[in-house]
N, C-alpha and C. Protein backbone atom coordinates (compact mmCIF):
# COMPACT_ATOMS: atom_id res chain seq x y z
N MET A 1 24.49 13.36 18.75
CA MET A 1 24.33 12.67 17.48
C MET A 1 25.52 13.00 16.59
N ASN A 2 26.29 11.99 16.16
CA ASN A 2 27.42 12.26 15.29
C ASN A 2 26.97 12.42 13.84
N SER A 3 27.91 12.86 12.99
CA SER A 3 27.54 13.16 11.61
C SER A 3 27.10 11.92 10.84
N GLU A 4 27.74 10.78 11.12
CA GLU A 4 27.37 9.55 10.43
C GLU A 4 25.95 9.12 10.78
N THR A 5 25.61 9.22 12.06
CA THR A 5 24.26 8.88 12.51
C THR A 5 23.24 9.83 11.89
N SER A 6 23.59 11.11 11.84
CA SER A 6 22.70 12.09 11.24
C SER A 6 22.50 11.83 9.76
N ASP A 7 23.56 11.39 9.08
CA ASP A 7 23.45 11.07 7.65
C ASP A 7 22.46 9.95 7.40
N VAL A 8 22.50 8.93 8.27
CA VAL A 8 21.56 7.81 8.14
C VAL A 8 20.14 8.32 8.29
N ARG A 9 19.92 9.19 9.25
CA ARG A 9 18.57 9.73 9.45
C ARG A 9 18.09 10.47 8.20
N GLU A 10 18.97 11.28 7.61
CA GLU A 10 18.59 12.05 6.42
C GLU A 10 18.29 11.13 5.25
N LEU A 11 19.09 10.08 5.08
CA LEU A 11 18.84 9.13 4.00
C LEU A 11 17.50 8.42 4.17
N LEU A 12 17.22 7.98 5.39
CA LEU A 12 15.95 7.32 5.65
C LEU A 12 14.77 8.27 5.43
N ALA A 13 14.91 9.52 5.89
CA ALA A 13 13.84 10.49 5.71
C ALA A 13 13.59 10.76 4.23
N SER A 14 14.67 10.85 3.46
CA SER A 14 14.54 11.06 2.03
C SER A 14 13.85 9.89 1.34
N ALA A 15 14.22 8.67 1.76
CA ALA A 15 13.61 7.46 1.17
C ALA A 15 12.12 7.40 1.51
N VAL A 16 11.77 7.70 2.75
CA VAL A 16 10.36 7.68 3.16
C VAL A 16 9.56 8.70 2.36
N GLU A 17 10.11 9.89 2.19
CA GLU A 17 9.41 10.93 1.45
C GLU A 17 9.24 10.55 -0.02
N THR A 18 10.31 10.07 -0.63
CA THR A 18 10.26 9.71 -2.06
C THR A 18 9.30 8.55 -2.31
N LEU A 19 9.44 7.50 -1.52
CA LEU A 19 8.58 6.34 -1.71
C LEU A 19 7.13 6.63 -1.34
N GLY A 20 6.93 7.51 -0.37
CA GLY A 20 5.58 7.84 0.06
C GLY A 20 4.81 8.64 -0.97
N GLU A 21 5.52 9.29 -1.89
CA GLU A 21 4.87 10.08 -2.93
C GLU A 21 4.41 9.23 -4.09
N GLY A 22 4.89 8.01 -4.19
CA GLY A 22 4.55 7.16 -5.32
C GLY A 22 3.18 6.53 -5.18
N ASN A 23 2.66 6.09 -6.29
CA ASN A 23 1.37 5.42 -6.31
C ASN A 23 1.47 3.95 -5.91
N ASP A 24 2.68 3.41 -5.95
CA ASP A 24 2.87 1.99 -5.68
C ASP A 24 3.63 1.81 -4.37
N GLN A 25 3.01 2.25 -3.28
CA GLN A 25 3.64 2.10 -1.97
C GLN A 25 3.62 0.63 -1.58
N SER A 26 4.78 0.06 -1.39
CA SER A 26 4.84 -1.37 -1.15
C SER A 26 5.87 -1.67 -0.07
N TRP A 27 6.49 -2.84 -0.19
CA TRP A 27 7.44 -3.30 0.81
C TRP A 27 8.54 -2.28 1.09
N HIS A 28 9.07 -1.66 0.06
CA HIS A 28 10.17 -0.72 0.25
C HIS A 28 9.75 0.47 1.13
N TYR A 29 8.53 0.93 0.92
CA TYR A 29 8.05 2.08 1.67
C TYR A 29 7.88 1.74 3.15
N TRP A 30 7.14 0.66 3.44
CA TRP A 30 6.91 0.40 4.86
C TRP A 30 8.17 -0.10 5.56
N MET A 31 9.08 -0.73 4.83
CA MET A 31 10.34 -1.13 5.46
C MET A 31 11.17 0.10 5.82
N CYS A 32 11.17 1.11 4.95
CA CYS A 32 11.85 2.36 5.30
C CYS A 32 11.21 3.01 6.52
N LEU A 33 9.88 2.94 6.58
CA LEU A 33 9.19 3.46 7.76
C LEU A 33 9.59 2.70 9.02
N PHE A 34 9.67 1.38 8.91
CA PHE A 34 10.05 0.56 10.06
C PHE A 34 11.47 0.91 10.52
N LEU A 35 12.40 0.98 9.57
CA LEU A 35 13.79 1.30 9.93
C LEU A 35 13.90 2.71 10.49
N SER A 36 13.12 3.65 9.95
CA SER A 36 13.14 5.01 10.49
C SER A 36 12.60 5.04 11.91
N ASN A 37 11.56 4.25 12.17
CA ASN A 37 11.05 4.13 13.53
C ASN A 37 12.11 3.59 14.48
N LEU A 38 12.84 2.55 14.04
CA LEU A 38 13.90 2.01 14.89
C LEU A 38 14.97 3.06 15.16
N TRP A 39 15.31 3.84 14.12
CA TRP A 39 16.33 4.87 14.29
C TRP A 39 15.89 5.88 15.35
N GLU A 40 14.65 6.33 15.26
CA GLU A 40 14.17 7.32 16.23
C GLU A 40 14.14 6.76 17.63
N LEU A 41 13.81 5.48 17.77
CA LEU A 41 13.82 4.86 19.10
C LEU A 41 15.23 4.81 19.68
N GLN A 42 16.21 4.61 18.82
CA GLN A 42 17.59 4.49 19.29
C GLN A 42 18.27 5.84 19.50
N PHE A 43 18.01 6.78 18.59
CA PHE A 43 18.81 8.01 18.58
C PHE A 43 18.00 9.30 18.57
N GLY A 44 16.71 9.21 18.25
CA GLY A 44 15.99 10.42 17.88
C GLY A 44 15.08 11.00 18.94
N ASP A 45 14.01 11.62 18.46
CA ASP A 45 13.09 12.30 19.36
C ASP A 45 11.70 11.70 19.23
N SER A 46 10.90 11.87 20.28
CA SER A 46 9.60 11.21 20.34
C SER A 46 8.61 11.80 19.34
N ALA A 47 8.70 13.09 19.04
CA ALA A 47 7.75 13.70 18.13
C ALA A 47 7.87 13.10 16.73
N ARG A 48 9.08 12.97 16.23
CA ARG A 48 9.29 12.36 14.93
C ARG A 48 8.88 10.88 14.97
N GLY A 49 9.14 10.22 16.09
CA GLY A 49 8.73 8.83 16.24
C GLY A 49 7.22 8.67 16.17
N ASP A 50 6.48 9.61 16.79
CA ASP A 50 5.02 9.57 16.73
C ASP A 50 4.54 9.66 15.29
N GLU A 51 5.13 10.56 14.53
CA GLU A 51 4.74 10.76 13.14
C GLU A 51 5.01 9.51 12.30
N LEU A 52 6.18 8.92 12.49
CA LEU A 52 6.55 7.73 11.71
C LEU A 52 5.69 6.53 12.09
N ALA A 53 5.40 6.38 13.36
CA ALA A 53 4.54 5.27 13.80
C ALA A 53 3.15 5.41 13.19
N ASP A 54 2.64 6.65 13.14
CA ASP A 54 1.34 6.88 12.53
C ASP A 54 1.35 6.53 11.04
N LEU A 55 2.42 6.90 10.34
CA LEU A 55 2.53 6.59 8.92
C LEU A 55 2.55 5.08 8.68
N LEU A 56 3.26 4.36 9.54
CA LEU A 56 3.32 2.91 9.40
C LEU A 56 1.95 2.29 9.67
N ASP A 57 1.25 2.79 10.68
CA ASP A 57 -0.11 2.32 10.96
C ASP A 57 -1.03 2.56 9.77
N GLN A 58 -0.94 3.75 9.20
CA GLN A 58 -1.80 4.09 8.06
C GLN A 58 -1.54 3.19 6.88
N PHE A 59 -0.26 2.90 6.62
CA PHE A 59 0.05 2.02 5.50
C PHE A 59 -0.50 0.62 5.76
N ALA A 60 -0.30 0.11 6.97
CA ALA A 60 -0.75 -1.24 7.29
C ALA A 60 -2.26 -1.36 7.15
N GLU A 61 -2.99 -0.33 7.59
CA GLU A 61 -4.44 -0.36 7.47
C GLU A 61 -4.88 -0.25 6.01
N ARG A 62 -4.24 0.65 5.28
CA ARG A 62 -4.63 0.89 3.90
C ARG A 62 -4.36 -0.30 3.00
N SER A 63 -3.23 -0.94 3.21
CA SER A 63 -2.81 -2.04 2.33
C SER A 63 -3.30 -3.39 2.81
N ASP A 64 -3.72 -3.47 4.09
CA ASP A 64 -4.11 -4.74 4.71
C ASP A 64 -3.00 -5.77 4.54
N ASP A 65 -1.78 -5.33 4.77
CA ASP A 65 -0.58 -6.15 4.63
C ASP A 65 -0.22 -6.73 6.00
N GLY A 66 -0.29 -8.05 6.13
CA GLY A 66 -0.04 -8.69 7.42
C GLY A 66 1.37 -8.45 7.94
N MET A 67 2.34 -8.44 7.04
CA MET A 67 3.71 -8.22 7.48
C MET A 67 3.91 -6.78 7.98
N ALA A 68 3.30 -5.83 7.28
CA ALA A 68 3.37 -4.44 7.74
C ALA A 68 2.67 -4.29 9.09
N ARG A 69 1.54 -4.99 9.26
CA ARG A 69 0.84 -4.95 10.55
C ARG A 69 1.71 -5.50 11.68
N ALA A 70 2.42 -6.60 11.39
CA ALA A 70 3.30 -7.19 12.40
C ALA A 70 4.39 -6.21 12.81
N HIS A 71 5.00 -5.56 11.81
CA HIS A 71 6.07 -4.61 12.11
C HIS A 71 5.54 -3.38 12.85
N ALA A 72 4.34 -2.93 12.49
CA ALA A 72 3.75 -1.80 13.20
C ALA A 72 3.50 -2.17 14.67
N SER A 73 3.02 -3.38 14.90
CA SER A 73 2.80 -3.83 16.28
C SER A 73 4.10 -3.88 17.06
N GLU A 74 5.17 -4.32 16.42
CA GLU A 74 6.47 -4.36 17.09
C GLU A 74 6.95 -2.96 17.46
N ILE A 75 6.76 -2.01 16.55
CA ILE A 75 7.17 -0.63 16.85
C ILE A 75 6.41 -0.10 18.06
N HIS A 76 5.11 -0.33 18.09
CA HIS A 76 4.33 0.15 19.23
C HIS A 76 4.74 -0.57 20.52
N ALA A 77 5.11 -1.84 20.40
CA ALA A 77 5.58 -2.57 21.59
C ALA A 77 6.88 -1.98 22.12
N LEU A 78 7.80 -1.68 21.21
CA LEU A 78 9.07 -1.08 21.64
C LEU A 78 8.85 0.30 22.25
N ARG A 79 7.98 1.08 21.64
CA ARG A 79 7.70 2.41 22.18
C ARG A 79 7.10 2.30 23.59
N ALA A 80 6.18 1.35 23.77
CA ALA A 80 5.60 1.15 25.10
C ALA A 80 6.64 0.63 26.09
N HIS A 81 7.50 -0.26 25.61
CA HIS A 81 8.56 -0.82 26.46
C HIS A 81 9.43 0.29 27.04
N PHE A 82 9.88 1.20 26.18
CA PHE A 82 10.79 2.24 26.63
C PHE A 82 10.07 3.37 27.37
N ALA A 83 8.74 3.37 27.28
CA ALA A 83 7.96 4.32 28.07
C ALA A 83 7.56 3.72 29.41
N GLY A 84 7.97 2.47 29.66
CA GLY A 84 7.62 1.82 30.92
C GLY A 84 6.19 1.33 30.99
N GLU A 85 5.56 1.16 29.82
CA GLU A 85 4.15 0.72 29.77
C GLU A 85 4.10 -0.76 29.42
N SER A 86 4.36 -1.59 30.40
CA SER A 86 4.56 -3.02 30.18
C SER A 86 3.34 -3.71 29.58
N GLU A 87 2.15 -3.40 30.08
CA GLU A 87 0.95 -4.07 29.58
C GLU A 87 0.65 -3.69 28.13
N ASP A 88 0.85 -2.43 27.78
CA ASP A 88 0.67 -2.02 26.39
C ASP A 88 1.67 -2.73 25.49
N ALA A 89 2.90 -2.84 25.96
CA ALA A 89 3.92 -3.55 25.18
C ALA A 89 3.51 -5.01 24.98
N ARG A 90 3.02 -5.64 26.04
CA ARG A 90 2.59 -7.04 25.94
C ARG A 90 1.48 -7.21 24.91
N ILE A 91 0.51 -6.33 24.95
CA ILE A 91 -0.63 -6.42 24.02
C ILE A 91 -0.14 -6.32 22.57
N HIS A 92 0.75 -5.39 22.30
CA HIS A 92 1.26 -5.22 20.94
C HIS A 92 2.12 -6.41 20.51
N LEU A 93 2.86 -6.99 21.43
CA LEU A 93 3.66 -8.17 21.10
C LEU A 93 2.78 -9.37 20.80
N VAL A 94 1.70 -9.52 21.55
CA VAL A 94 0.73 -10.59 21.25
C VAL A 94 0.19 -10.40 19.84
N GLY A 95 -0.13 -9.17 19.49
CA GLY A 95 -0.62 -8.88 18.14
C GLY A 95 0.40 -9.21 17.07
N ALA A 96 1.64 -8.80 17.28
CA ALA A 96 2.69 -9.08 16.30
C ALA A 96 2.88 -10.58 16.12
N LEU A 97 2.90 -11.30 17.23
CA LEU A 97 3.08 -12.75 17.16
C LEU A 97 1.94 -13.41 16.40
N GLY A 98 0.73 -12.93 16.61
CA GLY A 98 -0.41 -13.46 15.87
C GLY A 98 -0.28 -13.26 14.37
N HIS A 99 0.20 -12.09 13.96
CA HIS A 99 0.41 -11.84 12.53
C HIS A 99 1.46 -12.78 11.95
N TYR A 100 2.55 -12.98 12.69
CA TYR A 100 3.60 -13.88 12.19
C TYR A 100 3.11 -15.32 12.09
N ARG A 101 2.27 -15.74 13.02
CA ARG A 101 1.71 -17.09 12.93
C ARG A 101 0.86 -17.23 11.66
N GLN A 102 0.08 -16.23 11.37
CA GLN A 102 -0.77 -16.28 10.18
C GLN A 102 0.06 -16.36 8.90
N MET A 103 1.26 -15.84 8.94
CA MET A 103 2.12 -15.84 7.75
C MET A 103 3.16 -16.96 7.78
N GLY A 104 2.96 -17.94 8.66
CA GLY A 104 3.86 -19.08 8.69
C GLY A 104 5.20 -18.79 9.33
N LEU A 105 5.25 -17.81 10.25
CA LEU A 105 6.47 -17.48 10.98
C LEU A 105 7.62 -17.17 10.01
N ARG A 106 7.41 -16.18 9.18
CA ARG A 106 8.41 -15.74 8.22
C ARG A 106 9.71 -15.46 8.95
N ALA A 107 10.73 -16.23 8.65
CA ALA A 107 11.86 -16.41 9.54
C ALA A 107 12.65 -15.15 9.88
N SER A 108 13.12 -14.43 8.88
CA SER A 108 14.03 -13.33 9.17
C SER A 108 13.36 -12.25 10.00
N CYS A 109 12.09 -11.97 9.72
CA CYS A 109 11.37 -10.96 10.48
C CYS A 109 10.88 -11.50 11.83
N PHE A 110 10.52 -12.76 11.86
CA PHE A 110 10.11 -13.36 13.13
C PHE A 110 11.25 -13.32 14.14
N ALA A 111 12.48 -13.36 13.67
CA ALA A 111 13.63 -13.31 14.57
C ALA A 111 13.64 -12.02 15.39
N HIS A 112 13.42 -10.87 14.75
CA HIS A 112 13.46 -9.65 15.56
C HIS A 112 12.24 -9.53 16.46
N CYS A 113 11.14 -10.18 16.09
CA CYS A 113 10.00 -10.22 17.01
C CYS A 113 10.37 -10.98 18.28
N LEU A 114 11.09 -12.10 18.12
CA LEU A 114 11.55 -12.85 19.29
C LEU A 114 12.48 -12.01 20.16
N ASP A 115 13.35 -11.21 19.53
CA ASP A 115 14.21 -10.31 20.30
C ASP A 115 13.39 -9.36 21.15
N HIS A 116 12.34 -8.78 20.56
CA HIS A 116 11.53 -7.81 21.27
C HIS A 116 10.74 -8.47 22.40
N ILE A 117 10.26 -9.68 22.16
CA ILE A 117 9.57 -10.42 23.22
C ILE A 117 10.55 -10.76 24.35
N ALA A 118 11.79 -11.08 23.97
CA ALA A 118 12.80 -11.36 24.99
C ALA A 118 13.06 -10.14 25.87
N LEU A 119 13.12 -8.96 25.27
CA LEU A 119 13.29 -7.73 26.06
C LEU A 119 12.15 -7.59 27.07
N TRP A 120 10.93 -7.81 26.60
CA TRP A 120 9.78 -7.71 27.49
C TRP A 120 9.84 -8.77 28.58
N THR A 121 10.24 -9.98 28.21
CA THR A 121 10.31 -11.09 29.17
C THR A 121 11.35 -10.82 30.26
N LEU A 122 12.44 -10.17 29.88
CA LEU A 122 13.44 -9.78 30.88
C LEU A 122 12.85 -8.78 31.87
N ASP A 123 12.08 -7.84 31.36
CA ASP A 123 11.43 -6.88 32.25
C ASP A 123 10.47 -7.57 33.21
N ASP A 124 9.91 -8.70 32.75
CA ASP A 124 8.99 -9.46 33.58
C ASP A 124 9.72 -10.37 34.57
N GLY A 125 11.06 -10.34 34.53
CA GLY A 125 11.87 -11.09 35.49
C GLY A 125 12.17 -12.52 35.12
N ASP A 126 12.03 -12.87 33.84
CA ASP A 126 12.23 -14.26 33.41
C ASP A 126 13.41 -14.34 32.44
N ALA A 127 14.61 -14.34 32.99
CA ALA A 127 15.82 -14.34 32.16
C ALA A 127 16.00 -15.66 31.42
N SER A 128 15.54 -16.76 32.00
CA SER A 128 15.73 -18.06 31.37
C SER A 128 14.94 -18.17 30.06
N HIS A 129 13.66 -17.86 30.10
CA HIS A 129 12.85 -17.93 28.88
C HIS A 129 13.28 -16.87 27.87
N ALA A 130 13.67 -15.71 28.36
CA ALA A 130 14.17 -14.67 27.45
C ALA A 130 15.39 -15.16 26.69
N THR A 131 16.28 -15.84 27.38
CA THR A 131 17.50 -16.35 26.73
C THR A 131 17.17 -17.42 25.70
N SER A 132 16.21 -18.28 26.00
CA SER A 132 15.77 -19.28 25.03
C SER A 132 15.26 -18.62 23.75
N LEU A 133 14.48 -17.55 23.91
CA LEU A 133 13.97 -16.83 22.76
C LEU A 133 15.09 -16.18 21.96
N LEU A 134 16.09 -15.66 22.64
CA LEU A 134 17.24 -15.07 21.96
C LEU A 134 18.01 -16.13 21.16
N GLY A 135 18.15 -17.31 21.74
CA GLY A 135 18.81 -18.39 21.02
C GLY A 135 18.04 -18.79 19.78
N SER A 136 16.72 -18.85 19.89
CA SER A 136 15.89 -19.18 18.73
C SER A 136 16.02 -18.12 17.65
N ALA A 137 16.08 -16.86 18.05
CA ALA A 137 16.25 -15.77 17.08
C ALA A 137 17.57 -15.91 16.35
N GLU A 138 18.62 -16.25 17.06
CA GLU A 138 19.93 -16.42 16.42
C GLU A 138 19.91 -17.58 15.44
N ALA A 139 19.27 -18.68 15.82
CA ALA A 139 19.20 -19.84 14.92
C ALA A 139 18.42 -19.51 13.66
N LEU A 140 17.31 -18.77 13.79
CA LEU A 140 16.52 -18.38 12.63
C LEU A 140 17.34 -17.55 11.66
N ARG A 141 18.08 -16.61 12.19
CA ARG A 141 18.89 -15.76 11.30
C ARG A 141 19.97 -16.57 10.62
N GLN A 142 20.61 -17.44 11.36
CA GLN A 142 21.69 -18.23 10.77
C GLN A 142 21.16 -19.19 9.72
N ASP A 143 20.02 -19.82 10.00
CA ASP A 143 19.45 -20.80 9.06
C ASP A 143 18.89 -20.16 7.81
N HIS A 144 18.28 -18.98 7.96
CA HIS A 144 17.56 -18.40 6.83
C HIS A 144 18.25 -17.20 6.20
N VAL A 145 19.14 -16.55 6.92
CA VAL A 145 19.84 -15.39 6.39
C VAL A 145 21.33 -15.69 6.26
N GLY A 146 21.82 -16.59 7.11
CA GLY A 146 23.24 -16.92 7.09
C GLY A 146 24.12 -15.89 7.75
N ALA A 147 23.51 -15.05 8.62
CA ALA A 147 24.27 -13.98 9.26
C ALA A 147 23.59 -13.61 10.57
N PRO A 148 24.34 -12.97 11.48
CA PRO A 148 23.73 -12.50 12.72
C PRO A 148 22.79 -11.32 12.46
N ALA A 149 22.27 -10.76 13.52
CA ALA A 149 21.32 -9.65 13.39
C ALA A 149 21.96 -8.48 12.65
N PRO A 150 21.23 -7.87 11.71
CA PRO A 150 21.76 -6.67 11.05
C PRO A 150 21.82 -5.51 12.02
N ALA A 151 22.52 -4.46 11.62
CA ALA A 151 22.78 -3.34 12.53
C ALA A 151 21.50 -2.74 13.09
N ALA A 152 20.45 -2.65 12.26
CA ALA A 152 19.21 -2.02 12.71
C ALA A 152 18.53 -2.79 13.83
N GLU A 153 18.83 -4.08 13.94
CA GLU A 153 18.19 -4.93 14.95
C GLU A 153 19.15 -5.33 16.08
N ARG A 154 20.44 -5.15 15.86
CA ARG A 154 21.43 -5.72 16.78
C ARG A 154 21.37 -5.10 18.17
N LEU A 155 21.02 -3.82 18.25
CA LEU A 155 21.01 -3.15 19.55
C LEU A 155 20.12 -3.87 20.55
N TRP A 156 18.87 -4.20 20.11
CA TRP A 156 17.92 -4.83 21.01
C TRP A 156 18.39 -6.24 21.38
N HIS A 157 18.90 -6.98 20.40
CA HIS A 157 19.36 -8.34 20.64
C HIS A 157 20.53 -8.35 21.62
N ASP A 158 21.53 -7.52 21.36
CA ASP A 158 22.71 -7.49 22.23
C ASP A 158 22.38 -6.97 23.62
N GLN A 159 21.48 -6.00 23.68
CA GLN A 159 21.08 -5.46 24.97
C GLN A 159 20.41 -6.55 25.82
N ALA A 160 19.53 -7.32 25.18
CA ALA A 160 18.85 -8.39 25.90
C ALA A 160 19.84 -9.47 26.34
N LYS A 161 20.78 -9.83 25.47
CA LYS A 161 21.76 -10.84 25.83
C LYS A 161 22.61 -10.40 27.03
N GLU A 162 23.02 -9.16 27.02
CA GLU A 162 23.84 -8.65 28.12
C GLU A 162 23.10 -8.72 29.45
N THR A 163 21.84 -8.30 29.43
CA THR A 163 21.02 -8.34 30.65
C THR A 163 20.81 -9.77 31.12
N ALA A 164 20.50 -10.67 30.19
CA ALA A 164 20.24 -12.07 30.55
C ALA A 164 21.50 -12.74 31.10
N ARG A 165 22.64 -12.44 30.52
CA ARG A 165 23.89 -13.04 31.00
C ARG A 165 24.16 -12.63 32.45
N LYS A 166 23.89 -11.38 32.78
CA LYS A 166 24.09 -10.91 34.15
C LYS A 166 23.17 -11.65 35.11
N GLU A 167 21.95 -11.94 34.65
CA GLU A 167 20.98 -12.62 35.50
C GLU A 167 21.31 -14.09 35.71
N LEU A 168 21.74 -14.77 34.65
CA LEU A 168 21.93 -16.22 34.70
C LEU A 168 23.37 -16.64 34.99
N GLY A 169 24.32 -15.73 34.81
CA GLY A 169 25.73 -16.12 34.89
C GLY A 169 26.18 -16.71 33.56
N ASP A 170 27.48 -16.73 33.33
CA ASP A 170 28.00 -17.16 32.03
C ASP A 170 27.58 -18.58 31.67
N ALA A 171 27.76 -19.52 32.58
CA ALA A 171 27.48 -20.93 32.27
C ALA A 171 25.99 -21.15 32.01
N GLY A 172 25.14 -20.64 32.89
CA GLY A 172 23.71 -20.81 32.72
C GLY A 172 23.20 -20.14 31.46
N PHE A 173 23.75 -18.97 31.17
CA PHE A 173 23.33 -18.25 29.97
C PHE A 173 23.69 -19.02 28.71
N GLU A 174 24.92 -19.51 28.62
CA GLU A 174 25.36 -20.20 27.40
C GLU A 174 24.58 -21.50 27.20
N LEU A 175 24.30 -22.21 28.27
CA LEU A 175 23.53 -23.45 28.17
C LEU A 175 22.11 -23.18 27.69
N THR A 176 21.47 -22.18 28.27
CA THR A 176 20.09 -21.86 27.89
C THR A 176 20.03 -21.31 26.47
N LEU A 177 21.01 -20.50 26.09
CA LEU A 177 21.07 -19.96 24.73
C LEU A 177 21.20 -21.09 23.71
N ALA A 178 22.06 -22.06 24.03
CA ALA A 178 22.25 -23.21 23.12
C ALA A 178 20.96 -24.01 22.97
N ARG A 179 20.24 -24.20 24.06
CA ARG A 179 18.96 -24.92 23.98
C ARG A 179 17.97 -24.15 23.10
N GLY A 180 17.97 -22.84 23.23
CA GLY A 180 17.10 -22.03 22.39
C GLY A 180 17.43 -22.15 20.93
N ARG A 181 18.71 -22.26 20.62
CA ARG A 181 19.13 -22.40 19.22
C ARG A 181 18.64 -23.71 18.62
N ASP A 182 18.40 -24.70 19.45
CA ASP A 182 17.93 -26.01 18.97
C ASP A 182 16.40 -26.08 18.87
N THR A 183 15.72 -25.00 19.19
CA THR A 183 14.26 -24.99 19.20
C THR A 183 13.71 -24.63 17.83
N GLN A 184 12.73 -25.38 17.37
CA GLN A 184 12.08 -25.09 16.09
C GLN A 184 11.25 -23.80 16.20
N PRO A 185 11.06 -23.07 15.08
CA PRO A 185 10.30 -21.82 15.13
C PRO A 185 8.92 -21.95 15.77
N GLU A 186 8.22 -23.05 15.48
CA GLU A 186 6.88 -23.23 16.05
C GLU A 186 6.95 -23.34 17.57
N HIS A 187 7.96 -24.02 18.08
CA HIS A 187 8.11 -24.16 19.53
C HIS A 187 8.51 -22.82 20.15
N ALA A 188 9.34 -22.06 19.45
CA ALA A 188 9.71 -20.73 19.94
C ALA A 188 8.48 -19.83 20.02
N ALA A 189 7.62 -19.92 19.00
CA ALA A 189 6.38 -19.13 19.01
C ALA A 189 5.48 -19.56 20.16
N ASP A 190 5.40 -20.86 20.42
CA ASP A 190 4.59 -21.36 21.54
C ASP A 190 5.13 -20.85 22.87
N LEU A 191 6.47 -20.86 23.01
CA LEU A 191 7.07 -20.36 24.24
C LEU A 191 6.79 -18.87 24.40
N ALA A 192 6.93 -18.13 23.32
CA ALA A 192 6.66 -16.68 23.37
C ALA A 192 5.22 -16.43 23.77
N SER A 193 4.29 -17.17 23.20
CA SER A 193 2.88 -17.02 23.55
C SER A 193 2.63 -17.35 25.02
N ALA A 194 3.24 -18.42 25.48
CA ALA A 194 3.05 -18.86 26.87
C ALA A 194 3.55 -17.79 27.84
N VAL A 195 4.71 -17.22 27.53
CA VAL A 195 5.28 -16.19 28.40
C VAL A 195 4.37 -14.95 28.44
N LEU A 196 3.93 -14.51 27.27
CA LEU A 196 3.08 -13.33 27.20
C LEU A 196 1.72 -13.57 27.84
N ASP A 197 1.16 -14.78 27.65
CA ASP A 197 -0.16 -15.10 28.21
C ASP A 197 -0.09 -15.30 29.72
N ARG A 198 0.99 -15.91 30.18
CA ARG A 198 1.15 -16.17 31.61
C ARG A 198 1.14 -14.87 32.41
N ALA A 199 1.79 -13.85 31.84
CA ALA A 199 1.87 -12.58 32.55
C ALA A 199 0.51 -11.90 32.65
N HIS A 200 -0.42 -12.32 31.81
CA HIS A 200 -1.73 -11.67 31.79
C HIS A 200 -2.69 -12.34 32.76
N THR A 201 -2.36 -13.54 33.24
CA THR A 201 -3.27 -14.27 34.13
C THR A 201 -3.06 -13.89 35.58
């Protein structure tokens, strides 16, 4: 762990502690928890990740915040993914997708959900559908944020793209990615549901 990476961890930990002490725990608090969870998944240790995931769960339950619930489900899906627990990851992704549907597929956050479903879909051996989901995620970010994935989310997106490109070849990957970019959010959600449900049958 380099000093810059360590500094980010300390800043996030400080923000979580400060915001967690307040009486008005809201978006800022659970978003810091979400980002801290991502940091631990990328660079940290499992014990701290367990603690942060529990805090995010507690906030989502206490506040009954659908967006916080969706993000908590994504964190548990990623944790299961990297632990090799495919079925647990699938269950949590189904839950996250359900929360996003209830909230009208809130675009910027729905994009990273599609990235995480794409990672799972690649593990299931379906590079074509995974690439379509990645294309849809890119289109959502460009249309609603005007920028590619932020640093906290880019690792998963780029990792999935690299794996999918190897599976499909350059030409097939670019064609499928372009088709995904032309897909409306509702259709991307339907595809994600179909992929997750198909694996369960």
